[in-house]
Amino acid sequence: MQYWLFKSEPNKWSWDQQVAKGAAGEEWDGIRNYLARNNMREMKIGDRGFFYHSNIGKEVVGIVEVCAESAPDSTTDDPRWDCVHIKAVKPLDVPVTLAAVKADPRLADMSLVTAMRLSVQPVTRAQWEMVCDMGGVDPD
């Protein structure tokens, strides 16, 4: 299993909206960055990710799971862009802020710190466990 972080502006797509989609999940569409797209192309069904509210809140608020592998993005006719579908798994008991991540030296190499603008980022198992611990949830 691999781990990821998905960034979303909550005024455009929030954790509550993701949860409302249920087991069917939602297409993670509209990504127009090659590295983010390539990250999604590496994802497999069952991979887990953090759902991160960017710009407003700046915090990890929940855990999602990839429920459909990369396929053409339905929001464009451009064949260069594709995306995965994700579904909500559970909220964090305590949201983990960007400030808290930056304050922990063990997370200094996390993409959230080093590549802040990237909307779909890889997360290592160690980083996954640390952020889950900070958020009060079991990493498994």
Protein backbone atom coordinates (compact mmCIF):
# COMPACT_ATOMS: atom_id res chain seq x y z
CA MET A 1 0.00 0.00 0.00
CA GLN A 2 1.11 3.52 -0.78
CA TYR A 3 0.13 6.74 0.97
CA TRP A 4 -0.77 10.14 -0.44
CA LEU A 5 -2.05 13.60 0.40
CA PHE A 6 -4.86 15.24 -1.58
CA LYS A 7 -5.23 19.01 -1.28
CA SER A 8 -8.56 20.74 -1.71
CA GLU A 9 -9.79 24.24 -1.06
CA PRO A 10 -12.74 23.66 1.30
CA ASN A 11 -14.80 26.43 -0.27
CA LYS A 12 -14.60 24.47 -3.57
CA TRP A 13 -14.60 20.84 -2.31
CA SER A 14 -14.68 20.11 1.40
CA TRP A 15 -14.27 17.07 3.59
CA ASP A 16 -18.02 17.13 4.28
CA GLN A 17 -18.75 17.03 0.54
CA GLN A 18 -16.32 14.13 0.15
CA VAL A 19 -18.02 12.24 2.99
CA ALA A 20 -21.43 12.86 1.40
CA LYS A 21 -20.32 10.98 -1.73
CA GLY A 22 -20.26 7.76 0.29
CA ALA A 23 -18.73 4.48 -0.87
CA ALA A 24 -18.87 5.49 -4.55
CA GLY A 25 -16.42 8.28 -3.87
CA GLU A 26 -15.65 11.12 -6.23
CA GLU A 27 -13.41 11.74 -9.21
CA TRP A 28 -10.37 13.80 -8.15
CA ASP A 29 -10.63 15.89 -11.28
CA GLY A 30 -9.24 19.16 -12.53
CA ILE A 31 -5.59 18.47 -11.75
CA ARG A 32 -3.40 20.14 -14.36
CA ASN A 33 0.06 19.50 -12.99
CA TYR A 34 2.15 16.72 -14.52
CA LEU A 35 3.75 15.59 -11.27
CA ALA A 36 0.38 15.44 -9.48
CA ARG A 37 -1.07 13.53 -12.45
CA ASN A 38 1.86 11.13 -12.45
CA ASN A 39 1.35 10.54 -8.73
CA MET A 40 -2.26 9.58 -9.44
CA ARG A 41 -1.13 7.24 -12.20
CA GLU A 42 0.92 5.34 -9.59
CA MET A 43 -2.06 4.83 -7.27
CA LYS A 44 -3.77 1.51 -6.76
CA ILE A 45 -7.19 0.69 -5.35
CA GLY A 46 -6.90 0.59 -1.57
CA ASP A 47 -4.09 3.15 -1.30
CA ARG A 48 -4.80 5.62 1.50
CA GLY A 49 -4.45 9.37 1.58
CA PHE A 50 -4.85 12.39 3.77
CA PHE A 51 -7.57 14.89 2.83
CA TYR A 52 -6.05 18.32 3.34
CA HIS A 53 -7.94 21.61 3.45
CA SER A 54 -5.69 24.13 1.71
CA ASN A 55 -5.87 27.93 1.82
CA ILE A 56 -8.70 27.90 4.38
CA GLY A 57 -7.80 25.93 7.48
CA LYS A 58 -4.53 24.52 6.17
CA GLU A 59 -5.00 21.21 7.95
CA VAL A 60 -5.32 17.48 7.40
CA VAL A 61 -8.93 16.69 8.29
CA GLY A 62 -9.55 13.13 7.14
CA ILE A 63 -8.44 9.89 5.55
CA VAL A 64 -9.50 8.82 2.07
CA GLU A 65 -9.00 5.69 0.01
CA VAL A 66 -8.44 5.27 -3.72
CA CYS A 67 -11.54 3.47 -5.02
CA ALA A 68 -10.84 3.67 -8.78
CA GLU A 69 -7.48 3.80 -10.52
CA SER A 70 -6.36 6.50 -12.92
CA ALA A 71 -8.62 7.08 -15.93
CA PRO A 72 -9.36 10.03 -18.25
CA ASP A 73 -10.47 13.17 -16.40
CA SER A 74 -14.12 13.78 -17.32
CA THR A 75 -13.70 17.55 -17.05
CA THR A 76 -11.53 17.82 -20.18
CA ASP A 77 -11.15 16.41 -23.67
CA ASP A 78 -7.37 16.74 -23.39
CA PRO A 79 -5.97 13.19 -23.29
CA ARG A 80 -2.99 14.26 -21.17
CA TRP A 81 -5.08 14.52 -18.02
CA ASP A 82 -6.49 11.71 -15.95
CA CYS A 83 -7.37 11.12 -12.33
CA VAL A 84 -8.39 8.64 -9.65
CA HIS A 85 -11.57 8.36 -7.60
CA ILE A 86 -11.34 8.61 -3.82
CA LYS A 87 -13.79 7.91 -1.01
CA ALA A 88 -13.82 9.15 2.56
CA VAL A 89 -12.76 6.61 5.18
CA LYS A 90 -12.77 8.55 8.45
CA PRO A 91 -12.14 11.99 9.88
CA LEU A 92 -9.14 12.71 12.07
CA ASP A 93 -10.11 13.07 15.72
CA VAL A 94 -7.98 16.21 15.81
CA PRO A 95 -7.19 18.10 12.58
CA VAL A 96 -3.44 18.33 11.98
CA THR A 97 -2.45 21.84 10.97
CA LEU A 98 0.27 22.79 8.55
CA ALA A 99 1.91 24.68 11.43
CA ALA A 100 2.01 21.48 13.51
CA VAL A 101 3.54 19.52 10.61
CA LYS A 102 6.17 22.21 10.06
CA ALA A 103 6.95 22.32 13.79
CA ASP A 104 7.79 18.60 13.93
CA PRO A 105 11.39 18.06 12.74
CA ARG A 106 10.56 14.42 11.90
CA LEU A 107 8.28 15.74 9.13
CA ALA A 108 10.77 18.22 7.65
CA ASP A 109 11.06 16.13 4.46
CA MET A 110 7.30 15.69 3.99
CA SER A 111 6.11 17.01 0.61
CA LEU A 112 3.55 19.15 2.44
CA VAL A 113 6.55 21.11 3.76
CA THR A 114 8.94 20.88 0.81
CA ALA A 115 6.52 21.04 -2.17
CA MET A 116 3.64 22.98 -0.70
CA ARG A 117 2.01 23.85 -4.02
CA LEU A 118 1.72 20.27 -5.28
CA SER A 119 -1.94 19.20 -5.04
CA VAL A 120 -1.41 15.42 -4.97
CA GLN A 121 1.64 14.34 -2.99
CA PRO A 122 3.30 11.12 -1.87
CA VAL A 123 3.51 10.40 1.86
CA THR A 124 5.93 7.87 3.36
CA ARG A 125 4.74 5.19 5.79
CA ALA A 126 6.65 6.91 8.62
CA GLN A 127 5.02 10.26 7.81
CA TRP A 128 1.63 8.55 7.57
CA GLU A 129 2.04 7.05 11.03
CA MET A 130 3.21 10.34 12.57
CA VAL A 131 0.37 12.42 11.15
CA CYS A 132 -2.19 9.77 12.10
CA ASP A 133 -0.80 9.80 15.63
CA MET A 134 -1.01 13.60 15.74
CA GLY A 135 -4.61 13.34 14.49
CA GLY A 136 -5.59 10.73 17.07
CA VAL A 137 -6.36 7.92 14.61
CA ASP A 138 -4.99 4.44 14.02
CA PRO A 139 -2.72 4.45 10.96
CA ASP A 140 -4.16 1.10 9.83
